[in-house]
PDB file of N, CA and C in Angstrom:
ATOM      1  N   MET A   1       4.739  70.358  -0.547  1.00  0.00           N
ATOM      2  CA  MET A   1       4.451  70.905   0.669  1.00  0.00           C
ATOM      3  C   MET A   1       4.448  72.440   0.671  1.00  0.00           C
ATOM      4  N   PHE A   2       3.430  73.088   1.265  1.00  0.00           N
ATOM      5  CA  PHE A   2       3.406  74.543   1.268  1.00  0.00           C
ATOM      6  C   PHE A   2       4.277  75.167   2.396  1.00  0.00           C
ATOM      7  N   LYS A   3       4.995  76.212   1.997  1.00  0.00           N
ATOM      8  CA  LYS A   3       5.667  77.071   2.984  1.00  0.00           C
ATOM      9  C   LYS A   3       5.518  78.532   2.585  1.00  0.00           C
ATOM     10  N   CYS A   4       4.893  79.326   3.330  1.00  0.00           N
ATOM     11  CA  CYS A   4       4.613  80.745   2.973  1.00  0.00           C
ATOM     12  C   CYS A   4       5.995  81.514   2.863  1.00  0.00           C
ATOM     13  N   HIS A   5       6.189  82.151   1.759  1.00  0.00           N
ATOM     14  CA  HIS A   5       7.443  82.926   1.562  1.00  0.00           C
ATOM     15  C   HIS A   5       7.430  84.264   2.302  1.00  0.00           C
ATOM     16  N   VAL A   6       6.271  84.574   2.913  1.00  0.00           N
ATOM     17  CA  VAL A   6       6.078  85.877   3.659  1.00  0.00           C
ATOM     18  C   VAL A   6       6.428  85.649   5.155  1.00  0.00           C
ATOM     19  N   CYS A   7       5.556  84.613   5.740  1.00  0.00           N
ATOM     20  CA  CYS A   7       5.661  84.445   7.208  1.00  0.00           C
ATOM     21  C   CYS A   7       6.275  83.098   7.651  1.00  0.00           C
ATOM     22  N   GLY A   8       6.465  82.147   6.632  1.00  0.00           N
ATOM     23  CA  GLY A   8       7.143  80.844   6.941  1.00  0.00           C
ATOM     24  C   GLY A   8       6.133  79.844   7.372  1.00  0.00           C
ATOM     25  N   SER A   9       4.892  80.146   7.541  1.00  0.00           N
ATOM     26  CA  SER A   9       3.833  79.112   7.979  1.00  0.00           C
ATOM     27  C   SER A   9       3.780  77.982   6.903  1.00  0.00           C
ATOM     28  N   GLN A  10       3.500  76.836   7.492  1.00  0.00           N
ATOM     29  CA  GLN A  10       3.236  75.692   6.575  1.00  0.00           C
ATOM     30  C   GLN A  10       1.813  75.354   6.483  1.00  0.00           C
ATOM     31  N   GLU A  11       0.955  76.138   7.118  1.00  0.00           N
ATOM     32  CA  GLU A  11      -0.525  75.833   7.065  1.00  0.00           C
ATOM     33  C   GLU A  11      -1.164  76.726   5.943  1.00  0.00           C
ATOM     34  N   SER A  12      -1.945  76.097   5.055  1.00  0.00           N
ATOM     35  CA  SER A  12      -2.629  76.740   4.016  1.00  0.00           C
ATOM     36  C   SER A  12      -3.971  76.086   3.727  1.00  0.00           C
ATOM     37  N   HIS A  13      -4.748  76.735   2.914  1.00  0.00           N
ATOM     38  CA  HIS A  13      -5.990  76.178   2.402  1.00  0.00           C
ATOM     39  C   HIS A  13      -6.209  76.629   1.029  1.00  0.00           C
ATOM     40  N   ALA A  14      -6.967  75.827   0.303  1.00  0.00           N
ATOM     41  CA  ALA A  14      -7.281  76.086  -1.072  1.00  0.00           C
ATOM     42  C   ALA A  14      -8.423  77.090  -1.119  1.00  0.00           C
ATOM     43  N   ASP A  15      -8.420  78.108  -1.993  1.00  0.00           N
ATOM     44  CA  ASP A  15      -9.488  79.040  -2.070  1.00  0.00           C
ATOM     45  C   ASP A  15      -9.546  79.595  -3.494  1.00  0.00           C
ATOM     46  N   TRP A  16     -10.615  80.360  -3.733  1.00  0.00           N
ATOM     47  CA  TRP A  16     -10.777  81.072  -5.023  1.00  0.00           C
ATOM     48  C   TRP A  16     -10.612  82.521  -4.755  1.00  0.00           C
ATOM     49  N   VAL A  17      -9.763  83.216  -5.463  1.00  0.00           N
ATOM     50  CA  VAL A  17      -9.474  84.586  -5.108  1.00  0.00           C
ATOM     51  C   VAL A  17      -9.724  85.504  -6.292  1.00  0.00           C
ATOM     52  N   SER A  18      -9.705  86.789  -6.137  1.00  0.00           N
ATOM     53  CA  SER A  18      -9.709  87.810  -7.211  1.00  0.00           C
ATOM     54  C   SER A  18      -8.459  88.623  -7.038  1.00  0.00           C
ATOM     55  N   GLU A  19      -7.981  89.006  -8.234  1.00  0.00           N
ATOM     56  CA  GLU A  19      -6.761  89.926  -8.227  1.00  0.00           C
ATOM     57  C   GLU A  19      -6.912  90.984  -9.281  1.00  0.00           C
ATOM     58  N   ILE A  20      -6.399  92.243  -9.035  1.00  0.00           N
ATOM     59  CA  ILE A  20      -6.341  93.276  -9.984  1.00  0.00           C
ATOM     60  C   ILE A  20      -4.901  93.340 -10.481  1.00  0.00           C
ATOM     61  N   PHE A  21      -4.823  93.415 -11.849  1.00  0.00           N
ATOM     62  CA  PHE A  21      -3.551  93.510 -12.622  1.00  0.00           C
ATOM     63  C   PHE A  21      -3.477  94.840 -13.299  1.00  0.00           C
ATOM     64  N   LYS A  22      -2.345  95.571 -13.273  1.00  0.00           N
ATOM     65  CA  LYS A  22      -2.224  96.766 -14.018  1.00  0.00           C
ATOM     66  C   LYS A  22      -1.271  96.464 -15.206  1.00  0.00           C
ATOM     67  N   ILE A  23      -1.715  96.689 -16.384  1.00  0.00           N
ATOM     68  CA  ILE A  23      -1.008  96.444 -17.644  1.00  0.00           C
ATOM     69  C   ILE A  23      -1.056  97.640 -18.581  1.00  0.00           C
ATOM     70  N   GLN A  24       0.119  98.212 -18.795  1.00  0.00           N
ATOM     71  CA  GLN A  24       0.196  99.404 -19.591  1.00  0.00           C
ATOM     72  C   GLN A  24      -0.843 100.512 -19.163  1.00  0.00           C
ATOM     73  N   GLY A  25      -0.839 100.695 -17.894  1.00  0.00           N
ATOM     74  CA  GLY A  25      -1.783 101.736 -17.389  1.00  0.00           C
ATOM     75  C   GLY A  25      -3.286 101.378 -17.274  1.00  0.00           C
ATOM     76  N   ASN A  26      -3.589 100.181 -17.666  1.00  0.00           N
ATOM     77  CA  ASN A  26      -5.026  99.769 -17.570  1.00  0.00           C
ATOM     78  C   ASN A  26      -5.118  98.649 -16.511  1.00  0.00           C
ATOM     79  N   PHE A  27      -6.240  98.756 -15.728  1.00  0.00           N
ATOM     80  CA  PHE A  27      -6.452  97.777 -14.730  1.00  0.00           C
ATOM     81  C   PHE A  27      -7.423  96.734 -15.177  1.00  0.00           C
ATOM     82  N   TYR A  28      -7.208  95.473 -14.735  1.00  0.00           N
ATOM     83  CA  TYR A  28      -7.928  94.259 -15.126  1.00  0.00           C
ATOM     84  C   TYR A  28      -8.232  93.473 -13.892  1.00  0.00           C
ATOM     85  N   LEU A  29      -9.534  93.084 -13.629  1.00  0.00           N
ATOM     86  CA  LEU A  29      -9.885  92.286 -12.449  1.00  0.00           C
ATOM     87  C   LEU A  29     -10.030  90.909 -13.029  1.00  0.00           C
ATOM     88  N   VAL A  30      -9.329  89.881 -12.412  1.00  0.00           N
ATOM     89  CA  VAL A  30      -9.611  88.521 -12.783  1.00  0.00           C
ATOM     90  C   VAL A  30     -10.207  87.849 -11.498  1.00  0.00           C
ATOM     91  N   GLU A  31     -11.348  87.295 -11.693  1.00  0.00           N
ATOM     92  CA  GLU A  31     -12.040  86.603 -10.602  1.00  0.00           C
ATOM     93  C   GLU A  31     -11.877  85.116 -10.598  1.00  0.00           C
ATOM     94  N   ASN A  32     -12.177  84.498  -9.463  1.00  0.00           N
ATOM     95  CA  ASN A  32     -12.189  83.031  -9.363  1.00  0.00           C
ATOM     96  C   ASN A  32     -10.856  82.311  -9.746  1.00  0.00           C
ATOM     97  N   ILE A  33      -9.784  82.834  -9.286  1.00  0.00           N
ATOM     98  CA  ILE A  33      -8.490  82.253  -9.503  1.00  0.00           C
ATOM     99  C   ILE A  33      -8.225  81.221  -8.426  1.00  0.00           C
ATOM    100  N   PRO A  34      -7.974  79.955  -8.738  1.00  0.00           N
ATOM    101  CA  PRO A  34      -7.578  79.075  -7.775  1.00  0.00           C
ATOM    102  C   PRO A  34      -6.224  79.347  -7.117  1.00  0.00           C
ATOM    103  N   ALA A  35      -6.204  79.330  -5.729  1.00  0.00           N
ATOM    104  CA  ALA A  35      -4.962  79.642  -5.068  1.00  0.00           C
ATOM    105  C   ALA A  35      -4.763  78.880  -3.789  1.00  0.00           C
ATOM    106  N   MET A  36      -3.543  78.748  -3.385  1.00  0.00           N
ATOM    107  CA  MET A  36      -3.316  78.269  -1.954  1.00  0.00           C
ATOM    108  C   MET A  36      -3.131  79.531  -1.110  1.00  0.00           C
ATOM    109  N   VAL A  37      -3.799  79.575  -0.038  1.00  0.00           N
ATOM    110  CA  VAL A  37      -3.789  80.815   0.829  1.00  0.00           C
ATOM    111  C   VAL A  37      -3.197  80.489   2.132  1.00  0.00           C
ATOM    112  N   CYS A  38      -2.225  81.279   2.647  1.00  0.00           N
ATOM    113  CA  CYS A  38      -1.580  81.043   3.970  1.00  0.00           C
ATOM    114  C   CYS A  38      -2.577  81.195   5.035  1.00  0.00           C
ATOM    115  N   SER A  39      -2.716  80.227   5.925  1.00  0.00           N
ATOM    116  CA  SER A  39      -3.719  80.311   6.932  1.00  0.00           C
ATOM    117  C   SER A  39      -3.293  81.369   8.111  1.00  0.00           C
ATOM    118  N   ARG A  40      -2.003  81.704   7.989  1.00  0.00           N
ATOM    119  CA  ARG A  40      -1.563  82.676   9.031  1.00  0.00           C
ATOM    120  C   ARG A  40      -1.699  84.124   8.580  1.00  0.00           C
ATOM    121  N   CYS A  41      -1.066  84.445   7.437  1.00  0.00           N
ATOM    122  CA  CYS A  41      -1.056  85.843   6.982  1.00  0.00           C
ATOM    123  C   CYS A  41      -1.916  86.164   5.836  1.00  0.00           C
ATOM    124  N   GLY A  42      -2.480  85.142   5.148  1.00  0.00           N
ATOM    125  CA  GLY A  42      -3.375  85.374   4.000  1.00  0.00           C
ATOM    126  C   GLY A  42      -2.618  85.566   2.677  1.00  0.00           C
ATOM    127  N   GLU A  43      -1.381  85.359   2.629  1.00  0.00           N
ATOM    128  CA  GLU A  43      -0.625  85.403   1.298  1.00  0.00           C
ATOM    129  C   GLU A  43      -1.216  84.429   0.364  1.00  0.00           C
ATOM    130  N   GLU A  44      -1.436  84.821  -0.895  1.00  0.00           N
ATOM    131  CA  GLU A  44      -1.955  83.934  -1.872  1.00  0.00           C
ATOM    132  C   GLU A  44      -0.827  83.481  -2.868  1.00  0.00           C
ATOM    133  N   VAL A  45      -0.874  82.177  -3.126  1.00  0.00           N
ATOM    134  CA  VAL A  45       0.193  81.572  -3.971  1.00  0.00           C
ATOM    135  C   VAL A  45      -0.618  80.859  -5.165  1.00  0.00           C
ATOM    136  N   PHE A  46      -0.101  81.175  -6.346  1.00  0.00           N
ATOM    137  CA  PHE A  46      -0.731  80.513  -7.513  1.00  0.00           C
ATOM    138  C   PHE A  46       0.297  79.479  -8.149  1.00  0.00           C
ATOM    139  N   SER A  47      -0.285  78.378  -8.608  1.00  0.00           N
ATOM    140  CA  SER A  47       0.552  77.376  -9.317  1.00  0.00           C
ATOM    141  C   SER A  47       0.985  78.042 -10.628  1.00  0.00           C
ATOM    142  N   ARG A  48       2.148  77.439 -11.194  1.00  0.00           N
ATOM    143  CA  ARG A  48       2.686  77.837 -12.454  1.00  0.00           C
ATOM    144  C   ARG A  48       1.612  77.783 -13.615  1.00  0.00           C
ATOM    145  N   GLU A  49       0.907  76.705 -13.543  1.00  0.00           N
ATOM    146  CA  GLU A  49      -0.136  76.656 -14.561  1.00  0.00           C
ATOM    147  C   GLU A  49      -1.167  77.701 -14.458  1.00  0.00           C
ATOM    148  N   THR A  50      -1.628  78.063 -13.318  1.00  0.00           N
ATOM    149  CA  THR A  50      -2.612  79.069 -13.121  1.00  0.00           C
ATOM    150  C   THR A  50      -1.993  80.501 -13.504  1.00  0.00           C
ATOM    151  N   THR A  51      -0.681  80.738 -13.077  1.00  0.00           N
ATOM    152  CA  THR A  51      -0.049  81.986 -13.387  1.00  0.00           C
ATOM    153  C   THR A  51       0.022  82.138 -14.964  1.00  0.00           C
ATOM    154  N   GLU A  52       0.388  81.028 -15.661  1.00  0.00           N
ATOM    155  CA  GLU A  52       0.423  81.113 -17.128  1.00  0.00           C
ATOM    156  C   GLU A  52      -0.971  81.358 -17.734  1.00  0.00           C
ATOM    157  N   ARG A  53      -1.947  80.672 -17.261  1.00  0.00           N
ATOM    158  CA  ARG A  53      -3.264  80.845 -17.781  1.00  0.00           C
ATOM    159  C   ARG A  53      -3.710  82.343 -17.690  1.00  0.00           C
ATOM    160  N   VAL A  54      -3.522  82.887 -16.482  1.00  0.00           N
ATOM    161  CA  VAL A  54      -3.818  84.305 -16.286  1.00  0.00           C
ATOM    162  C   VAL A  54      -3.099  85.257 -17.236  1.00  0.00           C
ATOM    163  N   ARG A  55      -1.774  84.895 -17.382  1.00  0.00           N
ATOM    164  CA  ARG A  55      -0.897  85.773 -18.318  1.00  0.00           C
ATOM    165  C   ARG A  55      -1.461  85.699 -19.674  1.00  0.00           C
ATOM    166  N   VAL A  56      -1.785  84.562 -20.155  1.00  0.00           N
ATOM    167  CA  VAL A  56      -2.299  84.431 -21.567  1.00  0.00           C
ATOM    168  C   VAL A  56      -3.571  85.111 -21.658  1.00  0.00           C
ATOM    169  N   MET A  57      -4.467  84.975 -20.677  1.00  0.00           N
ATOM    170  CA  MET A  57      -5.758  85.589 -20.697  1.00  0.00           C
ATOM    171  C   MET A  57      -5.676  87.178 -20.833  1.00  0.00           C
ATOM    172  N   LEU A  58      -4.782  87.745 -20.112  1.00  0.00           N
ATOM    173  CA  LEU A  58      -4.624  89.151 -20.121  1.00  0.00           C
ATOM    174  C   LEU A  58      -3.810  89.691 -21.263  1.00  0.00           C
ATOM    175  N   ASN A  59      -2.980  88.934 -21.834  1.00  0.00           N
ATOM    176  CA  ASN A  59      -2.175  89.387 -22.954  1.00  0.00           C
ATOM    177  C   ASN A  59      -2.687  89.142 -24.272  1.00  0.00           C
ATOM    178  N   GLN A  60      -3.712  88.249 -24.490  1.00  0.00           N
ATOM    179  CA  GLN A  60      -4.330  88.027 -25.737  1.00  0.00           C
ATOM    180  C   GLN A  60      -5.434  88.909 -25.919  1.00  0.00           C
ATOM    181  N   GLU A  61      -5.996  89.051 -27.124  1.00  0.00           N
ATOM    182  CA  GLU A  61      -7.043  89.951 -27.395  1.00  0.00           C
ATOM    183  C   GLU A  61      -8.407  89.308 -27.168  1.00  0.00           C
ATOM    184  N   THR A  62      -8.589  88.758 -26.015  1.00  0.00           N
ATOM    185  CA  THR A  62      -9.874  88.194 -25.607  1.00  0.00           C
ATOM    186  C   THR A  62     -10.673  89.258 -24.873  1.00  0.00           C
ATOM    187  N   GLU A  63     -11.971  89.213 -25.001  1.00  0.00           N
ATOM    188  CA  GLU A  63     -12.811  90.134 -24.365  1.00  0.00           C
ATOM    189  C   GLU A  63     -13.196  89.788 -22.990  1.00  0.00           C
ATOM    190  N   PRO A  64     -13.262  90.759 -22.012  1.00  0.00           N
ATOM    191  CA  PRO A  64     -13.653  90.478 -20.696  1.00  0.00           C
ATOM    192  C   PRO A  64     -15.160  90.033 -20.633  1.00  0.00           C
ATOM    193  N   ILE A  65     -15.562  89.403 -19.562  1.00  0.00           N
ATOM    194  CA  ILE A  65     -16.927  88.934 -19.510  1.00  0.00           C
ATOM    195  C   ILE A  65     -17.861  90.106 -19.132  1.00  0.00           C
ATOM    196  N   ARG A  66     -17.297  91.129 -18.492  1.00  0.00           N
ATOM    197  CA  ARG A  66     -18.074  92.402 -18.225  1.00  0.00           C
ATOM    198  C   ARG A  66     -17.021  93.493 -17.788  1.00  0.00           C
ATOM    199  N   SER A  67     -17.558  94.725 -17.724  1.00  0.00           N
ATOM    200  CA  SER A  67     -16.758  95.831 -17.287  1.00  0.00           C
ATOM    201  C   SER A  67     -17.357  96.457 -16.088  1.00  0.00           C
ATOM    202  N   ILE A  68     -16.567  97.043 -15.229  1.00  0.00           N
ATOM    203  CA  ILE A  68     -17.098  97.768 -14.076  1.00  0.00           C
ATOM    204  C   ILE A  68     -16.447  99.169 -13.842  1.00  0.00           C
ATOM    205  N   ALA A  69     -17.073 100.050 -13.165  1.00  0.00           N
ATOM    206  CA  ALA A  69     -16.497 101.317 -12.911  1.00  0.00           C
ATOM    207  C   ALA A  69     -15.460 101.124 -11.729  1.00  0.00           C
ATOM    208  N   LEU A  70     -14.462 101.875 -11.609  1.00  0.00           N
ATOM    209  CA  LEU A  70     -13.544 101.765 -10.602  1.00  0.00           C
ATOM    210  C   LEU A  70     -13.184 103.080  -9.994  1.00  0.00           C
ATOM    211  N   GLY A  71     -13.493 103.278  -8.659  1.00  0.00           N
ATOM    212  CA  GLY A  71     -13.172 104.518  -7.982  1.00  0.00           C
ATOM    213  C   GLY A  71     -11.674 104.545  -7.713  1.00  0.00           C
ATOM    214  N   VAL A  72     -11.087 105.750  -7.934  1.00  0.00           N
ATOM    215  CA  VAL A  72      -9.676 105.887  -7.732  1.00  0.00           C
ATOM    216  C   VAL A  72      -9.403 106.930  -6.635  1.00  0.00           C
ATOM    217  N   PHE A  73      -8.501 106.586  -5.735  1.00  0.00           N
ATOM    218  CA  PHE A  73      -8.087 107.450  -4.673  1.00  0.00           C
ATOM    219  C   PHE A  73      -6.627 107.538  -4.642  1.00  0.00           C
ATOM    220  N   SER A  74      -6.049 108.629  -4.258  1.00  0.00           N
ATOM    221  CA  SER A  74      -4.602 108.840  -4.202  1.00  0.00           C
ATOM    222  C   SER A  74      -4.245 109.032  -2.654  1.00  0.00           C
ATOM    223  N   TYR A  75      -3.365 108.267  -2.129  1.00  0.00           N
ATOM    224  CA  TYR A  75      -2.995 108.397  -0.753  1.00  0.00           C
ATOM    225  C   TYR A  75      -2.433 109.766  -0.446  1.00  0.00           C
ATOM    226  N   ASP A  76      -1.656 110.270  -1.379  1.00  0.00           N
ATOM    227  CA  ASP A  76      -0.950 111.576  -1.116  1.00  0.00           C
ATOM    228  C   ASP A  76      -1.964 112.788  -1.273  1.00  0.00           C
ATOM    229  N   GLU A  77      -3.133 112.472  -1.731  1.00  0.00           N
ATOM    230  CA  GLU A  77      -4.165 113.507  -1.847  1.00  0.00           C
ATOM    231  C   GLU A  77      -5.118 113.471  -0.613  1.00  0.00           C
ATOM    232  N   ALA A  78      -4.952 112.417   0.299  1.00  0.00           N
ATOM    233  CA  ALA A  78      -5.918 112.239   1.358  1.00  0.00           C
ATOM    234  C   ALA A  78      -5.641 113.395   2.374  1.00  0.00           C
ATOM    235  N   VAL A  79      -6.837 113.714   3.068  1.00  0.00           N
ATOM    236  CA  VAL A  79      -6.777 114.757   4.098  1.00  0.00           C
ATOM    237  C   VAL A  79      -6.242 114.241   5.368  1.00  0.00           C
TER     238      VAL A  79
END
């Protein structure tokens, strides 16, 4: 049974999400991750199996399917 650890809601839905991970100063986008998403606050929860698969994907020497440019902003530099 799902219970959101952020807002306590028990309502969720399955979805496919994207997450950005920062590893040793480098950013990696992982798309199409299966997740349970809280219907109230949007918090994303991954199964242990999914978390392990993403960890292995990012820590092995596998090549990404493509690369993208990433714009960088700094909040403390904002006007």
